Amino acid sequence: MGNSVKKHRVAVLISGNGSNLQALIDAAGKTDYPANIVLVISNKEDAFGLTRAKNAGIPSYVVNHKDYNSREEFDMAVNALLLQNQIEFVCLAGFMRILSARFVNIWKGRMLNIHPSLLPDFKGAHAVRDALNSGVKESGCSVHLVTEEMDAGEIIAQAKVPILPDDTQETLHKRIHQQEHILYPRSLELLINRH
């Protein structure tokens, strides 16, 4: 029975450590999970996520944004790899690049991002710091569809994390990360089941 699930081809775009990539790889290892991570692309050659991909036997590529004259040129190089590998869905996992409108529209409805706040609160690169500084009592993480506007696409799922009185950015981020690793694989499954 477990083998009856169709496995969809998923690529993960990373820039760093790739702990969410690892969570997706681990989920995809289960027979009843509807995705295989078949490609990892990093814009940084020293990203530890590339080691995670190698350890899992997943083909990976470095596409250095500095080698391209424009954002769109870089995005189209990434897109070419996605097409060559018959990718069906794309997950951004700590991918620190703003994507061009053209790329976003090609993958509309099939590209996810994870963000360390309860969107629409605290968009942008400093979500954990901003949540701490604001005095709110809880934060968390959101998985959302990628749209042209940053951190603004439809939210697929969220997980809440309480902010403790003695939290630092580091301690809060660590607890949010733990929730991300549960939420991201679940959200990808929800998205795939819609299609």
C-alpha atoms as a PDB file:
ATOM      1  CA  MET A   1       0.000   0.000   0.000  1.00  0.00           C
ATOM      2  CA  GLY A   2       2.791   2.410   0.942  1.00  0.00           C
ATOM      3  CA  ASN A   3       4.268   2.338  -2.556  1.00  0.00           C
ATOM      4  CA  SER A   4       1.133   3.660  -4.249  1.00  0.00           C
ATOM      5  CA  VAL A   5       2.000   7.336  -3.636  1.00  0.00           C
ATOM      6  CA  LYS A   6       3.156   9.182  -6.768  1.00  0.00           C
ATOM      7  CA  LYS A   7       6.468  10.905  -6.104  1.00  0.00           C
ATOM      8  CA  HIS A   8       6.701  14.420  -7.549  1.00  0.00           C
ATOM      9  CA  ARG A   9      10.021  15.945  -8.581  1.00  0.00           C
ATOM     10  CA  VAL A  10      11.083  18.761  -6.245  1.00  0.00           C
ATOM     11  CA  ALA A  11      14.083  21.103  -6.350  1.00  0.00           C
ATOM     12  CA  VAL A  12      15.354  22.995  -3.301  1.00  0.00           C
ATOM     13  CA  LEU A  13      17.123  26.352  -3.620  1.00  0.00           C
ATOM     14  CA  ILE A  14      19.553  27.189  -0.809  1.00  0.00           C
ATOM     15  CA  SER A  15      22.205  29.715   0.210  1.00  0.00           C
ATOM     16  CA  GLY A  16      23.456  28.293   3.489  1.00  0.00           C
ATOM     17  CA  ASN A  17      23.263  25.552   6.097  1.00  0.00           C
ATOM     18  CA  GLY A  18      20.253  23.795   4.604  1.00  0.00           C
ATOM     19  CA  SER A  19      18.608  22.479   7.777  1.00  0.00           C
ATOM     20  CA  ASN A  20      15.184  22.812   6.133  1.00  0.00           C
ATOM     21  CA  LEU A  21      16.601  21.062   3.075  1.00  0.00           C
ATOM     22  CA  GLN A  22      17.558  18.204   5.416  1.00  0.00           C
ATOM     23  CA  ALA A  23      14.022  18.087   6.839  1.00  0.00           C
ATOM     24  CA  LEU A  24      12.637  17.821   3.289  1.00  0.00           C
ATOM     25  CA  ILE A  25      15.175  15.128   2.327  1.00  0.00           C
ATOM     26  CA  ASP A  26      14.243  13.130   5.449  1.00  0.00           C
ATOM     27  CA  ALA A  27      10.506  13.410   4.707  1.00  0.00           C
ATOM     28  CA  ALA A  28      11.021  12.437   1.060  1.00  0.00           C
ATOM     29  CA  GLY A  29      12.752   9.257   2.210  1.00  0.00           C
ATOM     30  CA  LYS A  30       9.419   7.888   3.412  1.00  0.00           C
ATOM     31  CA  THR A  31       7.529   5.754   0.878  1.00  0.00           C
ATOM     32  CA  ASP A  32       4.186   7.447   1.563  1.00  0.00           C
ATOM     33  CA  TYR A  33       5.539  10.997   1.084  1.00  0.00           C
ATOM     34  CA  PRO A  34       4.491  12.501  -2.287  1.00  0.00           C
ATOM     35  CA  ALA A  35       7.816  14.114  -3.215  1.00  0.00           C
ATOM     36  CA  ASN A  36      11.401  13.270  -4.078  1.00  0.00           C
ATOM     37  CA  ILE A  37      14.087  15.908  -3.676  1.00  0.00           C
ATOM     38  CA  VAL A  38      15.885  15.408  -6.994  1.00  0.00           C
ATOM     39  CA  LEU A  39      17.894  18.630  -7.309  1.00  0.00           C
ATOM     40  CA  VAL A  40      19.584  21.179  -5.036  1.00  0.00           C
ATOM     41  CA  ILE A  41      20.754  24.557  -6.341  1.00  0.00           C
ATOM     42  CA  SER A  42      22.856  26.981  -4.298  1.00  0.00           C
ATOM     43  CA  ASN A  43      23.970  30.488  -5.189  1.00  0.00           C
ATOM     44  CA  LYS A  44      26.956  30.045  -2.824  1.00  0.00           C
ATOM     45  CA  GLU A  45      29.601  27.377  -3.326  1.00  0.00           C
ATOM     46  CA  ASP A  46      30.411  27.141   0.404  1.00  0.00           C
ATOM     47  CA  ALA A  47      26.799  26.432   1.449  1.00  0.00           C
ATOM     48  CA  PHE A  48      26.736  23.481   3.857  1.00  0.00           C
ATOM     49  CA  GLY A  49      23.458  22.420   2.244  1.00  0.00           C
ATOM     50  CA  LEU A  50      25.525  21.209  -0.735  1.00  0.00           C
ATOM     51  CA  THR A  51      27.193  18.687   1.587  1.00  0.00           C
ATOM     52  CA  ARG A  52      23.750  17.567   2.778  1.00  0.00           C
ATOM     53  CA  ALA A  53      22.702  17.034  -0.862  1.00  0.00           C
ATOM     54  CA  LYS A  54      25.883  15.082  -1.612  1.00  0.00           C
ATOM     55  CA  ASN A  55      25.407  12.883   1.462  1.00  0.00           C
ATOM     56  CA  ALA A  56      21.859  12.111   0.284  1.00  0.00           C
ATOM     57  CA  GLY A  57      23.013  11.362  -3.263  1.00  0.00           C
ATOM     58  CA  ILE A  58      21.096  14.305  -4.720  1.00  0.00           C
ATOM     59  CA  PRO A  59      22.584  16.140  -7.737  1.00  0.00           C
ATOM     60  CA  SER A  60      23.475  19.715  -6.852  1.00  0.00           C
ATOM     61  CA  TYR A  61      24.648  22.767  -8.737  1.00  0.00           C
ATOM     62  CA  VAL A  62      26.175  26.077  -7.762  1.00  0.00           C
ATOM     63  CA  VAL A  63      24.818  28.970  -9.799  1.00  0.00           C
ATOM     64  CA  ASN A  64      26.776  31.994  -8.573  1.00  0.00           C
ATOM     65  CA  HIS A  65      24.699  35.151  -8.944  1.00  0.00           C
ATOM     66  CA  LYS A  66      27.928  37.145  -9.313  1.00  0.00           C
ATOM     67  CA  ASP A  67      28.495  35.453 -12.696  1.00  0.00           C
ATOM     68  CA  TYR A  68      25.393  37.110 -14.167  1.00  0.00           C
ATOM     69  CA  ASN A  69      24.748  40.675 -15.257  1.00  0.00           C
ATOM     70  CA  SER A  70      21.206  40.867 -13.943  1.00  0.00           C
ATOM     71  CA  ARG A  71      18.829  39.240 -11.497  1.00  0.00           C
ATOM     72  CA  GLU A  72      16.736  37.925 -14.363  1.00  0.00           C
ATOM     73  CA  GLU A  73      19.754  36.394 -16.153  1.00  0.00           C
ATOM     74  CA  PHE A  74      20.663  34.521 -12.972  1.00  0.00           C
ATOM     75  CA  ASP A  75      17.056  33.398 -12.482  1.00  0.00           C
ATOM     76  CA  MET A  76      16.821  32.114 -16.055  1.00  0.00           C
ATOM     77  CA  ALA A  77      20.028  30.068 -15.536  1.00  0.00           C
ATOM     78  CA  VAL A  78      18.384  28.515 -12.467  1.00  0.00           C
ATOM     79  CA  ASN A  79      15.160  28.017 -14.432  1.00  0.00           C
ATOM     80  CA  ALA A  80      17.037  26.191 -17.210  1.00  0.00           C
ATOM     81  CA  LEU A  81      18.354  23.678 -14.632  1.00  0.00           C
ATOM     82  CA  LEU A  82      14.865  23.214 -13.209  1.00  0.00           C
ATOM     83  CA  LEU A  83      13.451  22.501 -16.665  1.00  0.00           C
ATOM     84  CA  GLN A  84      16.302  20.142 -17.600  1.00  0.00           C
ATOM     85  CA  ASN A  85      15.540  18.128 -14.471  1.00  0.00           C
ATOM     86  CA  GLN A  86      11.753  18.033 -15.072  1.00  0.00           C
ATOM     87  CA  ILE A  87      11.089  19.769 -11.767  1.00  0.00           C
ATOM     88  CA  GLU A  88       7.446  20.068 -10.728  1.00  0.00           C
ATOM     89  CA  PHE A  89       7.746  22.046  -7.479  1.00  0.00           C
ATOM     90  CA  VAL A  90      10.377  24.384  -6.023  1.00  0.00           C
ATOM     91  CA  CYS A  91      11.140  24.969  -2.334  1.00  0.00           C
ATOM     92  CA  LEU A  92      13.194  27.936  -1.171  1.00  0.00           C
ATOM     93  CA  ALA A  93      15.097  26.959   1.981  1.00  0.00           C
ATOM     94  CA  GLY A  94      17.189  29.851   3.243  1.00  0.00           C
ATOM     95  CA  PHE A  95      17.676  31.054  -0.323  1.00  0.00           C
ATOM     96  CA  MET A  96      18.861  34.642   0.169  1.00  0.00           C
ATOM     97  CA  ARG A  97      17.963  36.077  -3.220  1.00  0.00           C
ATOM     98  CA  ILE A  98      15.000  38.163  -4.302  1.00  0.00           C
ATOM     99  CA  LEU A  99      13.586  36.456  -7.390  1.00  0.00           C
ATOM    100  CA  SER A 100      12.586  38.309 -10.550  1.00  0.00           C
ATOM    101  CA  ALA A 101       8.925  38.691 -11.526  1.00  0.00           C
ATOM    102  CA  ARG A 102       9.548  36.593 -14.620  1.00  0.00           C
ATOM    103  CA  PHE A 103      10.866  33.636 -12.604  1.00  0.00           C
ATOM    104  CA  VAL A 104       8.141  33.932  -9.964  1.00  0.00           C
ATOM    105  CA  ASN A 105       5.444  33.888 -12.637  1.00  0.00           C
ATOM    106  CA  ILE A 106       6.876  30.778 -14.322  1.00  0.00           C
ATOM    107  CA  TRP A 107       6.607  28.896 -11.003  1.00  0.00           C
ATOM    108  CA  LYS A 108       3.415  30.553  -9.718  1.00  0.00           C
ATOM    109  CA  GLY A 109       1.486  28.204  -7.452  1.00  0.00           C
ATOM    110  CA  ARG A 110       4.335  25.652  -7.437  1.00  0.00           C
ATOM    111  CA  MET A 111       7.027  27.465  -5.419  1.00  0.00           C
ATOM    112  CA  LEU A 112       7.157  27.610  -1.615  1.00  0.00           C
ATOM    113  CA  ASN A 113       9.170  29.652   0.846  1.00  0.00           C
ATOM    114  CA  ILE A 114       9.533  29.337   4.613  1.00  0.00           C
ATOM    115  CA  HIS A 115       9.749  32.462   6.744  1.00  0.00           C
ATOM    116  CA  PRO A 116      10.562  32.742  10.487  1.00  0.00           C
ATOM    117  CA  SER A 117       7.523  34.738  11.585  1.00  0.00           C
ATOM    118  CA  LEU A 118       3.744  34.525  11.662  1.00  0.00           C
ATOM    119  CA  LEU A 119       3.106  36.345   8.398  1.00  0.00           C
ATOM    120  CA  PRO A 120       1.879  38.935   7.590  1.00  0.00           C
ATOM    121  CA  ASP A 121       3.806  40.139  10.676  1.00  0.00           C
ATOM    122  CA  PHE A 122       7.571  40.759  10.405  1.00  0.00           C
ATOM    123  CA  LYS A 123       8.353  40.319   6.741  1.00  0.00           C
ATOM    124  CA  GLY A 124      11.907  40.595   5.496  1.00  0.00           C
ATOM    125  CA  ALA A 125      15.354  39.446   6.515  1.00  0.00           C
ATOM    126  CA  HIS A 126      15.251  40.369  10.226  1.00  0.00           C
ATOM    127  CA  ALA A 127      11.976  38.749  11.264  1.00  0.00           C
ATOM    128  CA  VAL A 128      13.254  37.180  14.490  1.00  0.00           C
ATOM    129  CA  ARG A 129      14.974  40.354  15.677  1.00  0.00           C
ATOM    130  CA  ASP A 130      11.947  42.451  14.743  1.00  0.00           C
ATOM    131  CA  ALA A 131       9.575  40.149  16.636  1.00  0.00           C
ATOM    132  CA  LEU A 132      11.770  40.300  19.755  1.00  0.00           C
ATOM    133  CA  ASN A 133      12.084  44.080  19.565  1.00  0.00           C
ATOM    134  CA  SER A 134       8.340  44.568  19.144  1.00  0.00           C
ATOM    135  CA  GLY A 135       7.442  42.960  22.478  1.00  0.00           C
ATOM    136  CA  VAL A 136       4.935  40.450  20.997  1.00  0.00           C
ATOM    137  CA  LYS A 137       4.313  37.312  23.048  1.00  0.00           C
ATOM    138  CA  GLU A 138       4.622  34.802  20.214  1.00  0.00           C
ATOM    139  CA  SER A 139       6.302  34.303  16.901  1.00  0.00           C
ATOM    140  CA  GLY A 140       6.680  31.225  14.734  1.00  0.00           C
ATOM    141  CA  CYS A 141       7.038  30.317  11.095  1.00  0.00           C
ATOM    142  CA  SER A 142       4.998  30.418   7.915  1.00  0.00           C
ATOM    143  CA  VAL A 143       5.198  28.487   4.680  1.00  0.00           C
ATOM    144  CA  HIS A 144       3.761  30.473   1.804  1.00  0.00           C
ATOM    145  CA  LEU A 145       3.486  30.503  -1.963  1.00  0.00           C
ATOM    146  CA  VAL A 146       6.070  32.783  -3.555  1.00  0.00           C
ATOM    147  CA  THR A 147       4.678  35.856  -5.295  1.00  0.00           C
ATOM    148  CA  GLU A 148       6.304  38.969  -6.709  1.00  0.00           C
ATOM    149  CA  GLU A 149       5.834  40.808  -3.417  1.00  0.00           C
ATOM    150  CA  MET A 150       8.231  39.549  -0.747  1.00  0.00           C
ATOM    151  CA  ASP A 151       6.732  37.289   1.962  1.00  0.00           C
ATOM    152  CA  ALA A 152       3.230  38.101   0.718  1.00  0.00           C
ATOM    153  CA  GLY A 153       1.941  34.957  -1.016  1.00  0.00           C
ATOM    154  CA  GLU A 154      -0.871  32.724   0.189  1.00  0.00           C
ATOM    155  CA  ILE A 155      -0.001  31.063   3.495  1.00  0.00           C
ATOM    156  CA  ILE A 156      -0.092  27.261   3.294  1.00  0.00           C
ATOM    157  CA  ALA A 157       0.610  26.590   6.986  1.00  0.00           C
ATOM    158  CA  GLN A 158       1.908  28.231  10.157  1.00  0.00           C
ATOM    159  CA  ALA A 159       3.308  27.088  13.485  1.00  0.00           C
ATOM    160  CA  LYS A 160       3.375  29.249  16.614  1.00  0.00           C
ATOM    161  CA  VAL A 161       6.307  29.549  18.996  1.00  0.00           C
ATOM    162  CA  PRO A 162       6.015  31.427  22.305  1.00  0.00           C
ATOM    163  CA  ILE A 163       8.533  34.184  22.976  1.00  0.00           C
ATOM    164  CA  LEU A 164      10.063  33.624  26.399  1.00  0.00           C
ATOM    165  CA  PRO A 165      11.109  36.508  28.679  1.00  0.00           C
ATOM    166  CA  ASP A 166      14.829  35.687  28.433  1.00  0.00           C
ATOM    167  CA  ASP A 167      14.846  34.854  24.702  1.00  0.00           C
ATOM    168  CA  THR A 168      17.682  36.090  22.523  1.00  0.00           C
ATOM    169  CA  GLN A 169      17.588  36.094  18.724  1.00  0.00           C
ATOM    170  CA  GLU A 170      19.581  32.871  18.859  1.00  0.00           C
ATOM    171  CA  THR A 171      17.357  30.983  21.324  1.00  0.00           C
ATOM    172  CA  LEU A 172      14.145  32.101  19.612  1.00  0.00           C
ATOM    173  CA  HIS A 173      15.503  31.274  16.166  1.00  0.00           C
ATOM    174  CA  LYS A 174      16.487  27.801  17.375  1.00  0.00           C
ATOM    175  CA  ARG A 175      12.967  27.048  18.604  1.00  0.00           C
ATOM    176  CA  ILE A 176      11.419  28.458  15.423  1.00  0.00           C
ATOM    177  CA  HIS A 177      13.777  26.240  13.385  1.00  0.00           C
ATOM    178  CA  GLN A 178      12.524  23.141  15.205  1.00  0.00           C
ATOM    179  CA  GLN A 179       8.983  24.004  14.109  1.00  0.00           C
ATOM    180  CA  GLU A 180      10.111  24.834  10.559  1.00  0.00           C
ATOM    181  CA  HIS A 181      11.519  21.333  10.146  1.00  0.00           C
ATOM    182  CA  ILE A 182       8.084  19.870  10.901  1.00  0.00           C
ATOM    183  CA  LEU A 183       6.063  22.491   9.026  1.00  0.00           C
ATOM    184  CA  TYR A 184       7.944  22.631   5.716  1.00  0.00           C
ATOM    185  CA  PRO A 185       7.582  18.948   4.715  1.00  0.00           C
ATOM    186  CA  ARG A 186       3.917  19.029   5.759  1.00  0.00           C
ATOM    187  CA  SER A 187       3.291  22.184   3.713  1.00  0.00           C
ATOM    188  CA  LEU A 188       4.936  20.735   0.610  1.00  0.00           C
ATOM    189  CA  GLU A 189       2.685  17.708   0.936  1.00  0.00           C
ATOM    190  CA  LEU A 190      -0.389  19.961   1.247  1.00  0.00           C
ATOM    191  CA  LEU A 191       0.626  21.877  -1.890  1.00  0.00           C
ATOM    192  CA  ILE A 192       1.267  18.734  -3.925  1.00  0.00           C
ATOM    193  CA  ASN A 193      -2.060  17.251  -2.889  1.00  0.00           C
ATOM    194  CA  ARG A 194      -3.811  20.324  -4.298  1.00  0.00           C
ATOM    195  CA  HIS A 195      -2.412  19.795  -7.801  1.00  0.00           C
END
